[in-house]
ModelCIF file with pLDDT and N, C-alpha, C, O atoms, coordinates in Angstrom:
data_MODEL
#
_entry.id   MODEL 
#
_entity.id                         1 
_entity.type                       polymer 
_entity.pdbx_number_of_molecules   1 
#
_entity_poly.entity_id                      1 
_entity_poly.type                           'polypeptide(L)' 
_entity_poly.nstd_linkage                   no 
_entity_poly.nstd_monomer                   no 
_entity_poly.pdbx_seq_one_letter_code       
;(UNK)(UNK)(UNK)(UNK)(UNK)(UNK)(UNK)(UNK)(UNK)(UNK)(UNK)(UNK)(UNK)(UNK)(UNK)(UNK)
(UNK)(UNK)(UNK)(UNK)(UNK)(UNK)(UNK)(UNK)(UNK)(UNK)(UNK)(UNK)(UNK)(UNK)(UNK)(UNK)
(UNK)(UNK)(UNK)(UNK)(UNK)(UNK)(UNK)(UNK)(UNK)(UNK)
;
_entity_poly.pdbx_seq_one_letter_code_can   XXXXXXXXXXXXXXXXXXXXXXXXXXXXXXXXXXXXXXXXXX 
_entity_poly.pdbx_strand_id                 A 
#
loop_
_entity_poly_seq.entity_id 
_entity_poly_seq.num 
_entity_poly_seq.mon_id 
_entity_poly_seq.hetero 
1 1  UNK n 
1 2  UNK n 
1 3  UNK n 
1 4  UNK n 
1 5  UNK n 
1 6  UNK n 
1 7  UNK n 
1 8  UNK n 
1 9  UNK n 
1 10 UNK n 
1 11 UNK n 
1 12 UNK n 
1 13 UNK n 
1 14 UNK n 
1 15 UNK n 
1 16 UNK n 
1 17 UNK n 
1 18 UNK n 
1 19 UNK n 
1 20 UNK n 
1 21 UNK n 
1 22 UNK n 
1 23 UNK n 
1 24 UNK n 
1 25 UNK n 
1 26 UNK n 
1 27 UNK n 
1 28 UNK n 
1 29 UNK n 
1 30 UNK n 
1 31 UNK n 
1 32 UNK n 
1 33 UNK n 
1 34 UNK n 
1 35 UNK n 
1 36 UNK n 
1 37 UNK n 
1 38 UNK n 
1 39 UNK n 
1 40 UNK n 
1 41 UNK n 
1 42 UNK n 
#
_struct_asym.id          A 
_struct_asym.entity_id   1 
#
loop_
_ma_qa_metric.id 
_ma_qa_metric.mode 
_ma_qa_metric.name 
_ma_qa_metric.software_group_id 
_ma_qa_metric.type 
1 global pLDDT . pLDDT 
2 local  pLDDT . pLDDT 
#
_ma_qa_metric_global.metric_id      1 
_ma_qa_metric_global.metric_value   87.43 
_ma_qa_metric_global.model_id       1 
_ma_qa_metric_global.ordinal_id     1 
#
loop_
_ma_qa_metric_local.label_asym_id 
_ma_qa_metric_local.label_comp_id 
_ma_qa_metric_local.label_seq_id 
_ma_qa_metric_local.metric_id 
_ma_qa_metric_local.metric_value 
_ma_qa_metric_local.model_id 
_ma_qa_metric_local.ordinal_id 
A UNK 1  2 98.00 1 1  
A UNK 2  2 98.00 1 2  
A UNK 3  2 98.00 1 3  
A UNK 4  2 98.00 1 4  
A UNK 5  2 97.00 1 5  
A UNK 6  2 97.00 1 6  
A UNK 7  2 95.00 1 7  
A UNK 8  2 95.00 1 8  
A UNK 9  2 96.00 1 9  
A UNK 10 2 96.00 1 10 
A UNK 11 2 95.00 1 11 
A UNK 12 2 95.00 1 12 
A UNK 13 2 94.00 1 13 
A UNK 14 2 93.00 1 14 
A UNK 15 2 92.00 1 15 
A UNK 16 2 90.00 1 16 
A UNK 17 2 88.00 1 17 
A UNK 18 2 86.00 1 18 
A UNK 19 2 89.00 1 19 
A UNK 20 2 91.00 1 20 
A UNK 21 2 94.00 1 21 
A UNK 22 2 95.00 1 22 
A UNK 23 2 93.00 1 23 
A UNK 24 2 95.00 1 24 
A UNK 25 2 96.00 1 25 
A UNK 26 2 94.00 1 26 
A UNK 27 2 95.00 1 27 
A UNK 28 2 92.00 1 28 
A UNK 29 2 89.00 1 29 
A UNK 30 2 89.00 1 30 
A UNK 31 2 89.00 1 31 
A UNK 32 2 83.00 1 32 
A UNK 33 2 78.00 1 33 
A UNK 34 2 78.00 1 34 
A UNK 35 2 79.00 1 35 
A UNK 36 2 72.00 1 36 
A UNK 37 2 72.00 1 37 
A UNK 38 2 76.00 1 38 
A UNK 39 2 70.00 1 39 
A UNK 40 2 61.00 1 40 
A UNK 41 2 50.00 1 41 
A UNK 42 2 51.00 1 42 
#
loop_
_atom_site.group_PDB 
_atom_site.id 
_atom_site.type_symbol 
_atom_site.label_atom_id 
_atom_site.label_alt_id 
_atom_site.label_comp_id 
_atom_site.label_asym_id 
_atom_site.label_entity_id 
_atom_site.label_seq_id 
_atom_site.pdbx_PDB_ins_code 
_atom_site.Cartn_x 
_atom_site.Cartn_y 
_atom_site.Cartn_z 
_atom_site.occupancy 
_atom_site.B_iso_or_equiv 
_atom_site.pdbx_formal_charge 
_atom_site.auth_seq_id 
_atom_site.auth_comp_id 
_atom_site.auth_asym_id 
_atom_site.auth_atom_id 
_atom_site.pdbx_PDB_model_num 
ATOM 1   N N  . UNK A 1 1  ? 0.661   -15.208 -28.167 1.00 98.00 ? 1  UNK A N  1 
ATOM 2   C CA . UNK A 1 1  ? 0.050   -14.395 -27.117 1.00 98.00 ? 1  UNK A CA 1 
ATOM 3   C C  . UNK A 1 1  ? -0.548  -15.276 -26.027 1.00 98.00 ? 1  UNK A C  1 
ATOM 4   O O  . UNK A 1 1  ? -1.065  -16.360 -26.300 1.00 98.00 ? 1  UNK A O  1 
ATOM 5   N N  . UNK A 1 2  ? -0.473  -14.802 -24.808 1.00 98.00 ? 2  UNK A N  1 
ATOM 6   C CA . UNK A 1 2  ? -1.142  -15.444 -23.670 1.00 98.00 ? 2  UNK A CA 1 
ATOM 7   C C  . UNK A 1 2  ? -2.028  -14.409 -22.998 1.00 98.00 ? 2  UNK A C  1 
ATOM 8   O O  . UNK A 1 2  ? -1.675  -13.233 -22.918 1.00 98.00 ? 2  UNK A O  1 
ATOM 9   N N  . UNK A 1 3  ? -3.176  -14.854 -22.516 1.00 98.00 ? 3  UNK A N  1 
ATOM 10  C CA . UNK A 1 3  ? -4.131  -13.906 -21.936 1.00 98.00 ? 3  UNK A CA 1 
ATOM 11  C C  . UNK A 1 3  ? -4.989  -14.582 -20.874 1.00 98.00 ? 3  UNK A C  1 
ATOM 12  O O  . UNK A 1 3  ? -5.070  -15.808 -20.792 1.00 98.00 ? 3  UNK A O  1 
ATOM 13  N N  . UNK A 1 4  ? -5.621  -13.744 -20.071 1.00 98.00 ? 4  UNK A N  1 
ATOM 14  C CA . UNK A 1 4  ? -6.617  -14.187 -19.096 1.00 98.00 ? 4  UNK A CA 1 
ATOM 15  C C  . UNK A 1 4  ? -7.892  -13.416 -19.372 1.00 98.00 ? 4  UNK A C  1 
ATOM 16  O O  . UNK A 1 4  ? -7.881  -12.185 -19.393 1.00 98.00 ? 4  UNK A O  1 
ATOM 17  N N  . UNK A 1 5  ? -8.997  -14.130 -19.584 1.00 97.00 ? 5  UNK A N  1 
ATOM 18  C CA . UNK A 1 5  ? -10.293 -13.501 -19.815 1.00 97.00 ? 5  UNK A CA 1 
ATOM 19  C C  . UNK A 1 5  ? -11.017 -13.354 -18.484 1.00 97.00 ? 5  UNK A C  1 
ATOM 20  O O  . UNK A 1 5  ? -11.221 -14.331 -17.762 1.00 97.00 ? 5  UNK A O  1 
ATOM 21  N N  . UNK A 1 6  ? -11.402 -12.122 -18.170 1.00 97.00 ? 6  UNK A N  1 
ATOM 22  C CA . UNK A 1 6  ? -12.038 -11.832 -16.885 1.00 97.00 ? 6  UNK A CA 1 
ATOM 23  C C  . UNK A 1 6  ? -13.353 -11.103 -17.124 1.00 97.00 ? 6  UNK A C  1 
ATOM 24  O O  . UNK A 1 6  ? -13.401 -10.131 -17.878 1.00 97.00 ? 6  UNK A O  1 
ATOM 25  N N  . UNK A 1 7  ? -14.418 -11.570 -16.481 1.00 95.00 ? 7  UNK A N  1 
ATOM 26  C CA . UNK A 1 7  ? -15.725 -10.919 -16.648 1.00 95.00 ? 7  UNK A CA 1 
ATOM 27  C C  . UNK A 1 7  ? -15.855 -9.732  -15.695 1.00 95.00 ? 7  UNK A C  1 
ATOM 28  O O  . UNK A 1 7  ? -15.101 -9.606  -14.731 1.00 95.00 ? 7  UNK A O  1 
ATOM 29  N N  . UNK A 1 8  ? -16.823 -8.869  -15.983 1.00 95.00 ? 8  UNK A N  1 
ATOM 30  C CA . UNK A 1 8  ? -17.081 -7.716  -15.111 1.00 95.00 ? 8  UNK A CA 1 
ATOM 31  C C  . UNK A 1 8  ? -17.470 -8.185  -13.708 1.00 95.00 ? 8  UNK A C  1 
ATOM 32  O O  . UNK A 1 8  ? -17.062 -7.590  -12.710 1.00 95.00 ? 8  UNK A O  1 
ATOM 33  N N  . UNK A 1 9  ? -18.254 -9.245  -13.643 1.00 96.00 ? 9  UNK A N  1 
ATOM 34  C CA . UNK A 1 9  ? -18.668 -9.785  -12.346 1.00 96.00 ? 9  UNK A CA 1 
ATOM 35  C C  . UNK A 1 9  ? -17.459 -10.216 -11.524 1.00 96.00 ? 9  UNK A C  1 
ATOM 36  O O  . UNK A 1 9  ? -17.403 -9.968  -10.320 1.00 96.00 ? 9  UNK A O  1 
ATOM 37  N N  . UNK A 1 10 ? -16.497 -10.859 -12.172 1.00 96.00 ? 10 UNK A N  1 
ATOM 38  C CA . UNK A 1 10 ? -15.286 -11.306 -11.470 1.00 96.00 ? 10 UNK A CA 1 
ATOM 39  C C  . UNK A 1 10 ? -14.432 -10.120 -11.037 1.00 96.00 ? 10 UNK A C  1 
ATOM 40  O O  . UNK A 1 10 ? -13.847 -10.137 -9.954  1.00 96.00 ? 10 UNK A O  1 
ATOM 41  N N  . UNK A 1 11 ? -14.360 -9.100  -11.871 1.00 95.00 ? 11 UNK A N  1 
ATOM 42  C CA . UNK A 1 11 ? -13.592 -7.899  -11.504 1.00 95.00 ? 11 UNK A CA 1 
ATOM 43  C C  . UNK A 1 11 ? -14.230 -7.189  -10.319 1.00 95.00 ? 11 UNK A C  1 
ATOM 44  O O  . UNK A 1 11 ? -13.527 -6.678  -9.448  1.00 95.00 ? 11 UNK A O  1 
ATOM 45  N N  . UNK A 1 12 ? -15.558 -7.154  -10.283 1.00 95.00 ? 12 UNK A N  1 
ATOM 46  C CA . UNK A 1 12 ? -16.261 -6.540  -9.150  1.00 95.00 ? 12 UNK A CA 1 
ATOM 47  C C  . UNK A 1 12 ? -15.969 -7.303  -7.859  1.00 95.00 ? 12 UNK A C  1 
ATOM 48  O O  . UNK A 1 12 ? -15.774 -6.694  -6.807  1.00 95.00 ? 12 UNK A O  1 
ATOM 49  N N  . UNK A 1 13 ? -15.939 -8.627  -7.937  1.00 94.00 ? 13 UNK A N  1 
ATOM 50  C CA . UNK A 1 13 ? -15.610 -9.441  -6.758  1.00 94.00 ? 13 UNK A CA 1 
ATOM 51  C C  . UNK A 1 13 ? -14.195 -9.127  -6.262  1.00 94.00 ? 13 UNK A C  1 
ATOM 52  O O  . UNK A 1 13 ? -13.966 -8.984  -5.061  1.00 94.00 ? 13 UNK A O  1 
ATOM 53  N N  . UNK A 1 14 ? -13.267 -9.023  -7.185  1.00 93.00 ? 14 UNK A N  1 
ATOM 54  C CA . UNK A 1 14 ? -11.881 -8.723  -6.823  1.00 93.00 ? 14 UNK A CA 1 
ATOM 55  C C  . UNK A 1 14 ? -11.790 -7.386  -6.096  1.00 93.00 ? 14 UNK A C  1 
ATOM 56  O O  . UNK A 1 14 ? -11.078 -7.252  -5.101  1.00 93.00 ? 14 UNK A O  1 
ATOM 57  N N  . UNK A 1 15 ? -12.513 -6.415  -6.603  1.00 92.00 ? 15 UNK A N  1 
ATOM 58  C CA . UNK A 1 15 ? -12.480 -5.084  -5.982  1.00 92.00 ? 15 UNK A CA 1 
ATOM 59  C C  . UNK A 1 15 ? -13.030 -5.136  -4.562  1.00 92.00 ? 15 UNK A C  1 
ATOM 60  O O  . UNK A 1 15 ? -12.472 -4.526  -3.650  1.00 92.00 ? 15 UNK A O  1 
ATOM 61  N N  . UNK A 1 16 ? -14.120 -5.864  -4.380  1.00 90.00 ? 16 UNK A N  1 
ATOM 62  C CA . UNK A 1 16 ? -14.699 -5.980  -3.040  1.00 90.00 ? 16 UNK A CA 1 
ATOM 63  C C  . UNK A 1 16 ? -13.750 -6.692  -2.078  1.00 90.00 ? 16 UNK A C  1 
ATOM 64  O O  . UNK A 1 16 ? -13.744 -6.408  -0.880  1.00 90.00 ? 16 UNK A O  1 
ATOM 65  N N  . UNK A 1 17 ? -12.951 -7.613  -2.605  1.00 88.00 ? 17 UNK A N  1 
ATOM 66  C CA . UNK A 1 17 ? -12.012 -8.360  -1.765  1.00 88.00 ? 17 UNK A CA 1 
ATOM 67  C C  . UNK A 1 17 ? -10.655 -7.663  -1.626  1.00 88.00 ? 17 UNK A C  1 
ATOM 68  O O  . UNK A 1 17 ? -9.723  -8.211  -1.037  1.00 88.00 ? 17 UNK A O  1 
ATOM 69  N N  . UNK A 1 18 ? -10.554 -6.440  -2.180  1.00 86.00 ? 18 UNK A N  1 
ATOM 70  C CA . UNK A 1 18 ? -9.311  -5.664  -2.121  1.00 86.00 ? 18 UNK A CA 1 
ATOM 71  C C  . UNK A 1 18 ? -8.157  -6.408  -2.784  1.00 86.00 ? 18 UNK A C  1 
ATOM 72  O O  . UNK A 1 18 ? -7.026  -6.386  -2.298  1.00 86.00 ? 18 UNK A O  1 
ATOM 73  N N  . UNK A 1 19 ? -8.459  -7.065  -3.901  1.00 89.00 ? 19 UNK A N  1 
ATOM 74  C CA . UNK A 1 19 ? -7.449  -7.807  -4.644  1.00 89.00 ? 19 UNK A CA 1 
ATOM 75  C C  . UNK A 1 19 ? -7.299  -7.236  -6.045  1.00 89.00 ? 19 UNK A C  1 
ATOM 76  O O  . UNK A 1 19 ? -8.250  -6.729  -6.641  1.00 89.00 ? 19 UNK A O  1 
ATOM 77  N N  . UNK A 1 20 ? -6.089  -7.333  -6.546  1.00 91.00 ? 20 UNK A N  1 
ATOM 78  C CA . UNK A 1 20 ? -5.813  -7.047  -7.953  1.00 91.00 ? 20 UNK A CA 1 
ATOM 79  C C  . UNK A 1 20 ? -5.816  -8.377  -8.702  1.00 91.00 ? 20 UNK A C  1 
ATOM 80  O O  . UNK A 1 20 ? -5.475  -9.409  -8.124  1.00 91.00 ? 20 UNK A O  1 
ATOM 81  N N  . UNK A 1 21 ? -6.196  -8.367  -9.981  1.00 94.00 ? 21 UNK A N  1 
ATOM 82  C CA . UNK A 1 21 ? -6.237  -9.614  -10.741 1.00 94.00 ? 21 UNK A CA 1 
ATOM 83  C C  . UNK A 1 21 ? -4.870  -10.282 -10.788 1.00 94.00 ? 21 UNK A C  1 
ATOM 84  O O  . UNK A 1 21 ? -4.791  -11.509 -10.850 1.00 94.00 ? 21 UNK A O  1 
ATOM 85  N N  . UNK A 1 22 ? -3.793  -9.504  -10.760 1.00 95.00 ? 22 UNK A N  1 
ATOM 86  C CA . UNK A 1 22 ? -2.453  -10.086 -10.802 1.00 95.00 ? 22 UNK A CA 1 
ATOM 87  C C  . UNK A 1 22 ? -2.131  -10.867 -9.531  1.00 95.00 ? 22 UNK A C  1 
ATOM 88  O O  . UNK A 1 22 ? -1.275  -11.751 -9.549  1.00 95.00 ? 22 UNK A O  1 
ATOM 89  N N  . UNK A 1 23 ? -2.811  -10.546 -8.426  1.00 93.00 ? 23 UNK A N  1 
ATOM 90  C CA . UNK A 1 23 ? -2.597  -11.305 -7.177  1.00 93.00 ? 23 UNK A CA 1 
ATOM 91  C C  . UNK A 1 23 ? -2.941  -12.783 -7.362  1.00 93.00 ? 23 UNK A C  1 
ATOM 92  O O  . UNK A 1 23 ? -2.347  -13.652 -6.723  1.00 93.00 ? 23 UNK A O  1 
ATOM 93  N N  . UNK A 1 24 ? -3.901  -13.057 -8.239  1.00 95.00 ? 24 UNK A N  1 
ATOM 94  C CA . UNK A 1 24 ? -4.383  -14.425 -8.412  1.00 95.00 ? 24 UNK A CA 1 
ATOM 95  C C  . UNK A 1 24 ? -3.375  -15.323 -9.128  1.00 95.00 ? 24 UNK A C  1 
ATOM 96  O O  . UNK A 1 24 ? -3.538  -16.543 -9.148  1.00 95.00 ? 24 UNK A O  1 
ATOM 97  N N  . UNK A 1 25 ? -2.338  -14.731 -9.715  1.00 96.00 ? 25 UNK A N  1 
ATOM 98  C CA . UNK A 1 25 ? -1.313  -15.523 -10.385 1.00 96.00 ? 25 UNK A CA 1 
ATOM 99  C C  . UNK A 1 25 ? -0.409  -16.241 -9.385  1.00 96.00 ? 25 UNK A C  1 
ATOM 100 O O  . UNK A 1 25 ? 0.341   -17.142 -9.762  1.00 96.00 ? 25 UNK A O  1 
ATOM 101 N N  . UNK A 1 26 ? -0.477  -15.845 -8.107  1.00 94.00 ? 26 UNK A N  1 
ATOM 102 C CA . UNK A 1 26 ? 0.383   -16.444 -7.092  1.00 94.00 ? 26 UNK A CA 1 
ATOM 103 C C  . UNK A 1 26 ? -0.165  -17.798 -6.641  1.00 94.00 ? 26 UNK A C  1 
ATOM 104 O O  . UNK A 1 26 ? -1.329  -18.121 -6.877  1.00 94.00 ? 26 UNK A O  1 
ATOM 105 N N  . UNK A 1 27 ? 0.696   -18.582 -5.987  1.00 95.00 ? 27 UNK A N  1 
ATOM 106 C CA . UNK A 1 27 ? 0.249   -19.838 -5.394  1.00 95.00 ? 27 UNK A CA 1 
ATOM 107 C C  . UNK A 1 27 ? -0.715  -19.545 -4.256  1.00 95.00 ? 27 UNK A C  1 
ATOM 108 O O  . UNK A 1 27 ? -0.709  -18.446 -3.701  1.00 95.00 ? 27 UNK A O  1 
ATOM 109 N N  . UNK A 1 28 ? -1.548  -20.528 -3.904  1.00 92.00 ? 28 UNK A N  1 
ATOM 110 C CA . UNK A 1 28 ? -2.623  -20.293 -2.932  1.00 92.00 ? 28 UNK A CA 1 
ATOM 111 C C  . UNK A 1 28 ? -2.110  -19.731 -1.619  1.00 92.00 ? 28 UNK A C  1 
ATOM 112 O O  . UNK A 1 28 ? -2.670  -18.765 -1.100  1.00 92.00 ? 28 UNK A O  1 
ATOM 113 N N  . UNK A 1 29 ? -1.044  -20.322 -1.069  1.00 89.00 ? 29 UNK A N  1 
ATOM 114 C CA . UNK A 1 29 ? -0.585  -19.876 0.250   1.00 89.00 ? 29 UNK A CA 1 
ATOM 115 C C  . UNK A 1 29 ? -0.038  -18.450 0.202   1.00 89.00 ? 29 UNK A C  1 
ATOM 116 O O  . UNK A 1 29 ? -0.161  -17.705 1.173   1.00 89.00 ? 29 UNK A O  1 
ATOM 117 N N  . UNK A 1 30 ? 0.562   -18.072 -0.921  1.00 89.00 ? 30 UNK A N  1 
ATOM 118 C CA . UNK A 1 30 ? 1.054   -16.696 -1.047  1.00 89.00 ? 30 UNK A CA 1 
ATOM 119 C C  . UNK A 1 30 ? -0.105  -15.723 -1.220  1.00 89.00 ? 30 UNK A C  1 
ATOM 120 O O  . UNK A 1 30 ? -0.079  -14.608 -0.699  1.00 89.00 ? 30 UNK A O  1 
ATOM 121 N N  . UNK A 1 31 ? -1.122  -16.161 -1.959  1.00 89.00 ? 31 UNK A N  1 
ATOM 122 C CA . UNK A 1 31 ? -2.298  -15.310 -2.140  1.00 89.00 ? 31 UNK A CA 1 
ATOM 123 C C  . UNK A 1 31 ? -2.993  -15.047 -0.809  1.00 89.00 ? 31 UNK A C  1 
ATOM 124 O O  . UNK A 1 31 ? -3.310  -13.902 -0.488  1.00 89.00 ? 31 UNK A O  1 
ATOM 125 N N  . UNK A 1 32 ? -3.232  -16.117 -0.023  1.00 83.00 ? 32 UNK A N  1 
ATOM 126 C CA . UNK A 1 32 ? -3.936  -15.927 1.249   1.00 83.00 ? 32 UNK A CA 1 
ATOM 127 C C  . UNK A 1 32 ? -3.099  -15.113 2.241   1.00 83.00 ? 32 UNK A C  1 
ATOM 128 O O  . UNK A 1 32 ? -3.648  -14.340 3.026   1.00 83.00 ? 32 UNK A O  1 
ATOM 129 N N  . UNK A 1 33 ? -1.792  -15.283 2.207   1.00 78.00 ? 33 UNK A N  1 
ATOM 130 C CA . UNK A 1 33 ? -0.929  -14.489 3.083   1.00 78.00 ? 33 UNK A CA 1 
ATOM 131 C C  . UNK A 1 33 ? -0.982  -13.014 2.698   1.00 78.00 ? 33 UNK A C  1 
ATOM 132 O O  . UNK A 1 33 ? -1.125  -12.144 3.557   1.00 78.00 ? 33 UNK A O  1 
ATOM 133 N N  . UNK A 1 34 ? -0.867  -12.741 1.402   1.00 78.00 ? 34 UNK A N  1 
ATOM 134 C CA . UNK A 1 34 ? -0.933  -11.346 0.935   1.00 78.00 ? 34 UNK A CA 1 
ATOM 135 C C  . UNK A 1 34 ? -2.261  -10.698 1.332   1.00 78.00 ? 34 UNK A C  1 
ATOM 136 O O  . UNK A 1 34 ? -2.298  -9.570  1.824   1.00 78.00 ? 34 UNK A O  1 
ATOM 137 N N  . UNK A 1 35 ? -3.362  -11.446 1.105   1.00 79.00 ? 35 UNK A N  1 
ATOM 138 C CA . UNK A 1 35 ? -4.685  -10.904 1.394   1.00 79.00 ? 35 UNK A CA 1 
ATOM 139 C C  . UNK A 1 35 ? -4.874  -10.698 2.895   1.00 79.00 ? 35 UNK A C  1 
ATOM 140 O O  . UNK A 1 35 ? -5.469  -9.706  3.315   1.00 79.00 ? 35 UNK A O  1 
ATOM 141 N N  . UNK A 1 36 ? -4.370  -11.630 3.704   1.00 72.00 ? 36 UNK A N  1 
ATOM 142 C CA . UNK A 1 36 ? -4.483  -11.485 5.167   1.00 72.00 ? 36 UNK A CA 1 
ATOM 143 C C  . UNK A 1 36 ? -3.747  -10.241 5.642   1.00 72.00 ? 36 UNK A C  1 
ATOM 144 O O  . UNK A 1 36 ? -4.276  -9.485  6.458   1.00 72.00 ? 36 UNK A O  1 
ATOM 145 N N  . UNK A 1 37 ? -2.543  -10.020 5.148   1.00 72.00 ? 37 UNK A N  1 
ATOM 146 C CA . UNK A 1 37 ? -1.798  -8.807  5.501   1.00 72.00 ? 37 UNK A CA 1 
ATOM 147 C C  . UNK A 1 37 ? -2.556  -7.556  5.079   1.00 72.00 ? 37 UNK A C  1 
ATOM 148 O O  . UNK A 1 37 ? -2.554  -6.546  5.783   1.00 72.00 ? 37 UNK A O  1 
ATOM 149 N N  . UNK A 1 38 ? -3.207  -7.638  3.915   1.00 76.00 ? 38 UNK A N  1 
ATOM 150 C CA . UNK A 1 38 ? -3.849  -6.445  3.363   1.00 76.00 ? 38 UNK A CA 1 
ATOM 151 C C  . UNK A 1 38 ? -5.106  -6.056  4.146   1.00 76.00 ? 38 UNK A C  1 
ATOM 152 O O  . UNK A 1 38 ? -5.351  -4.871  4.376   1.00 76.00 ? 38 UNK A O  1 
ATOM 153 N N  . UNK A 1 39 ? -5.902  -7.047  4.555   1.00 70.00 ? 39 UNK A N  1 
ATOM 154 C CA . UNK A 1 39 ? -7.206  -6.717  5.137   1.00 70.00 ? 39 UNK A CA 1 
ATOM 155 C C  . UNK A 1 39 ? -7.254  -6.876  6.654   1.00 70.00 ? 39 UNK A C  1 
ATOM 156 O O  . UNK A 1 39 ? -8.249  -6.516  7.284   1.00 70.00 ? 39 UNK A O  1 
ATOM 157 N N  . UNK A 1 40 ? -6.190  -7.411  7.241   1.00 61.00 ? 40 UNK A N  1 
ATOM 158 C CA . UNK A 1 40 ? -6.187  -7.597  8.695   1.00 61.00 ? 40 UNK A CA 1 
ATOM 159 C C  . UNK A 1 40 ? -6.203  -6.248  9.408   1.00 61.00 ? 40 UNK A C  1 
ATOM 160 O O  . UNK A 1 40 ? -5.550  -5.295  8.982   1.00 61.00 ? 40 UNK A O  1 
ATOM 161 N N  . UNK A 1 41 ? -6.946  -6.189  10.477  1.00 50.00 ? 41 UNK A N  1 
ATOM 162 C CA . UNK A 1 41 ? -7.010  -4.946  11.255  1.00 50.00 ? 41 UNK A CA 1 
ATOM 163 C C  . UNK A 1 41 ? -5.823  -4.743  12.170  1.00 50.00 ? 41 UNK A C  1 
ATOM 164 O O  . UNK A 1 41 ? -5.697  -3.681  12.779  1.00 50.00 ? 41 UNK A O  1 
ATOM 165 N N  . UNK A 1 42 ? -4.949  -5.728  12.283  1.00 51.00 ? 42 UNK A N  1 
ATOM 166 C CA . UNK A 1 42 ? -3.783  -5.593  13.155  1.00 51.00 ? 42 UNK A CA 1 
ATOM 167 C C  . UNK A 1 42 ? -2.515  -5.823  12.343  1.00 51.00 ? 42 UNK A C  1 
ATOM 168 O O  . UNK A 1 42 ? -1.413  -5.756  12.886  1.00 51.00 ? 42 UNK A O  1 
#
């Protein structure tokens, strides 16, 4: 089995940042690109 342990505090941060925990599995540049597209006003 493989797993990721996530605390409630970390899950709350993810929610505030409009991220899903699975987003964090991506490489940094893909993560920041995805997040920029998601939260950008344009």
